[in-house]
Amino acid sequence: MSETILFNPGDSIGNFHDYNEAVRKGHLYKQKQRQDDDLVIVNNPSKNEEYAIFYVKDRHPEKTENSVEYDVSKKIKISENN
């Protein structure tokens, strides 16, 4: 069972059609920016095989007109890049 999370698509750091590329870019972005927040690689079930990267802090706690449901594919923790 996957975890579902809500985000505004406009808050995305990047969008990719290749999962491995999304993960690689997420790690690179995390190293470059050195932000104190975790990233997640997510998949929008309605847009098959499209992945996006978001900061966890940008998630929406409940459904709004601007939020979209995504399935979490991978979490990139702060400690992975230290």
C-alpha atoms as a PDB file:
ATOM      1  CA  MET A   1       0.000   0.000   0.000  1.00  0.00           C
ATOM      2  CA  SER A   2       1.445   3.357  -1.006  1.00  0.00           C
ATOM      3  CA  GLU A   3       1.376   6.600   0.907  1.00  0.00           C
ATOM      4  CA  THR A   4      -0.751   9.367  -0.617  1.00  0.00           C
ATOM      5  CA  ILE A   5       0.195  13.014  -0.109  1.00  0.00           C
ATOM      6  CA  LEU A   6      -1.331  16.309  -1.297  1.00  0.00           C
ATOM      7  CA  PHE A   7       0.627  19.062  -3.078  1.00  0.00           C
ATOM      8  CA  ASN A   8      -0.054  22.100  -5.222  1.00  0.00           C
ATOM      9  CA  PRO A   9       1.502  21.138  -8.601  1.00  0.00           C
ATOM     10  CA  GLY A  10       2.979  24.655  -8.836  1.00  0.00           C
ATOM     11  CA  ASP A  11       5.237  23.896  -5.843  1.00  0.00           C
ATOM     12  CA  SER A  12       7.053  21.149  -7.738  1.00  0.00           C
ATOM     13  CA  ILE A  13      10.849  21.451  -7.988  1.00  0.00           C
ATOM     14  CA  GLY A  14      10.869  19.362 -11.162  1.00  0.00           C
ATOM     15  CA  ASN A  15       8.848  16.975 -13.322  1.00  0.00           C
ATOM     16  CA  PHE A  16      10.244  13.874 -15.028  1.00  0.00           C
ATOM     17  CA  HIS A  17       9.056  10.949 -17.115  1.00  0.00           C
ATOM     18  CA  ASP A  18      11.867   8.706 -15.867  1.00  0.00           C
ATOM     19  CA  TYR A  19      11.803   7.623 -12.211  1.00  0.00           C
ATOM     20  CA  ASN A  20      15.572   7.101 -11.972  1.00  0.00           C
ATOM     21  CA  GLU A  21      16.217  10.558 -13.414  1.00  0.00           C
ATOM     22  CA  ALA A  22      13.827  12.077 -10.865  1.00  0.00           C
ATOM     23  CA  VAL A  23      15.669  10.357  -8.000  1.00  0.00           C
ATOM     24  CA  ARG A  24      19.073  11.416  -9.342  1.00  0.00           C
ATOM     25  CA  LYS A  25      17.948  15.036  -9.793  1.00  0.00           C
ATOM     26  CA  GLY A  26      16.375  15.011  -6.328  1.00  0.00           C
ATOM     27  CA  HIS A  27      19.670  13.956  -4.748  1.00  0.00           C
ATOM     28  CA  LEU A  28      21.614  16.537  -6.762  1.00  0.00           C
ATOM     29  CA  TYR A  29      19.159  19.287  -5.894  1.00  0.00           C
ATOM     30  CA  LYS A  30      19.302  18.337  -2.224  1.00  0.00           C
ATOM     31  CA  GLN A  31      23.110  18.493  -2.206  1.00  0.00           C
ATOM     32  CA  LYS A  32      23.217  21.820  -4.032  1.00  0.00           C
ATOM     33  CA  GLN A  33      20.512  23.630  -2.038  1.00  0.00           C
ATOM     34  CA  ARG A  34      21.355  22.157   1.384  1.00  0.00           C
ATOM     35  CA  GLN A  35      17.838  22.879   2.622  1.00  0.00           C
ATOM     36  CA  ASP A  36      16.808  21.590   6.041  1.00  0.00           C
ATOM     37  CA  ASP A  37      13.786  19.736   4.690  1.00  0.00           C
ATOM     38  CA  ASP A  38      13.253  16.324   3.154  1.00  0.00           C
ATOM     39  CA  LEU A  39      12.272  15.858  -0.479  1.00  0.00           C
ATOM     40  CA  VAL A  40       9.829  13.336  -1.915  1.00  0.00           C
ATOM     41  CA  ILE A  41       9.592  11.831  -5.375  1.00  0.00           C
ATOM     42  CA  VAL A  42       5.913  11.400  -6.174  1.00  0.00           C
ATOM     43  CA  ASN A  43       3.775   9.978  -8.951  1.00  0.00           C
ATOM     44  CA  ASN A  44       0.423  11.369 -10.031  1.00  0.00           C
ATOM     45  CA  PRO A  45      -1.704   8.236 -10.666  1.00  0.00           C
ATOM     46  CA  SER A  46      -3.793  10.079 -13.272  1.00  0.00           C
ATOM     47  CA  LYS A  47      -0.655  10.988 -15.262  1.00  0.00           C
ATOM     48  CA  ASN A  48       0.857   7.548 -15.618  1.00  0.00           C
ATOM     49  CA  GLU A  49       4.663   7.483 -15.426  1.00  0.00           C
ATOM     50  CA  GLU A  50       5.147  11.156 -14.611  1.00  0.00           C
ATOM     51  CA  TYR A  51       7.174  11.921 -11.490  1.00  0.00           C
ATOM     52  CA  ALA A  52       7.605  15.174  -9.568  1.00  0.00           C
ATOM     53  CA  ILE A  53       9.879  16.347  -6.762  1.00  0.00           C
ATOM     54  CA  PHE A  54       8.513  18.324  -3.811  1.00  0.00           C
ATOM     55  CA  TYR A  55       9.738  19.540  -0.448  1.00  0.00           C
ATOM     56  CA  VAL A  56       7.826  17.709   2.277  1.00  0.00           C
ATOM     57  CA  LYS A  57       7.157  21.063   3.993  1.00  0.00           C
ATOM     58  CA  ASP A  58       5.012  22.099   0.997  1.00  0.00           C
ATOM     59  CA  ARG A  59       2.452  19.330   1.470  1.00  0.00           C
ATOM     60  CA  HIS A  60      -1.181  20.237   2.076  1.00  0.00           C
ATOM     61  CA  PRO A  61      -2.798  18.755   5.203  1.00  0.00           C
ATOM     62  CA  GLU A  62      -6.188  18.453   3.501  1.00  0.00           C
ATOM     63  CA  LYS A  63      -7.728  18.574   0.026  1.00  0.00           C
ATOM     64  CA  THR A  64      -8.114  22.069  -1.460  1.00  0.00           C
ATOM     65  CA  GLU A  65      -9.007  23.305  -4.935  1.00  0.00           C
ATOM     66  CA  ASN A  66      -5.275  23.728  -5.681  1.00  0.00           C
ATOM     67  CA  SER A  67      -4.046  20.413  -4.283  1.00  0.00           C
ATOM     68  CA  VAL A  68      -3.550  17.167  -6.170  1.00  0.00           C
ATOM     69  CA  GLU A  69      -3.143  13.658  -4.721  1.00  0.00           C
ATOM     70  CA  TYR A  70       0.211  12.024  -5.386  1.00  0.00           C
ATOM     71  CA  ASP A  71       1.611   8.611  -4.454  1.00  0.00           C
ATOM     72  CA  VAL A  72       4.994   8.784  -2.717  1.00  0.00           C
ATOM     73  CA  SER A  73       7.622   6.812  -4.648  1.00  0.00           C
ATOM     74  CA  LYS A  74      10.726   7.735  -2.632  1.00  0.00           C
ATOM     75  CA  LYS A  75      11.697   9.953   0.294  1.00  0.00           C
ATOM     76  CA  ILE A  76      15.046  11.756   0.224  1.00  0.00           C
ATOM     77  CA  LYS A  77      16.008  12.464   3.828  1.00  0.00           C
ATOM     78  CA  ILE A  78      18.342  15.201   5.027  1.00  0.00           C
ATOM     79  CA  SER A  79      20.825  12.628   6.367  1.00  0.00           C
ATOM     80  CA  GLU A  80      21.240  10.994   2.922  1.00  0.00           C
ATOM     81  CA  ASN A  81      23.252  13.992   1.729  1.00  0.00           C
ATOM     82  CA  ASN A  82      25.382  14.796   4.787  1.00  0.00           C
END
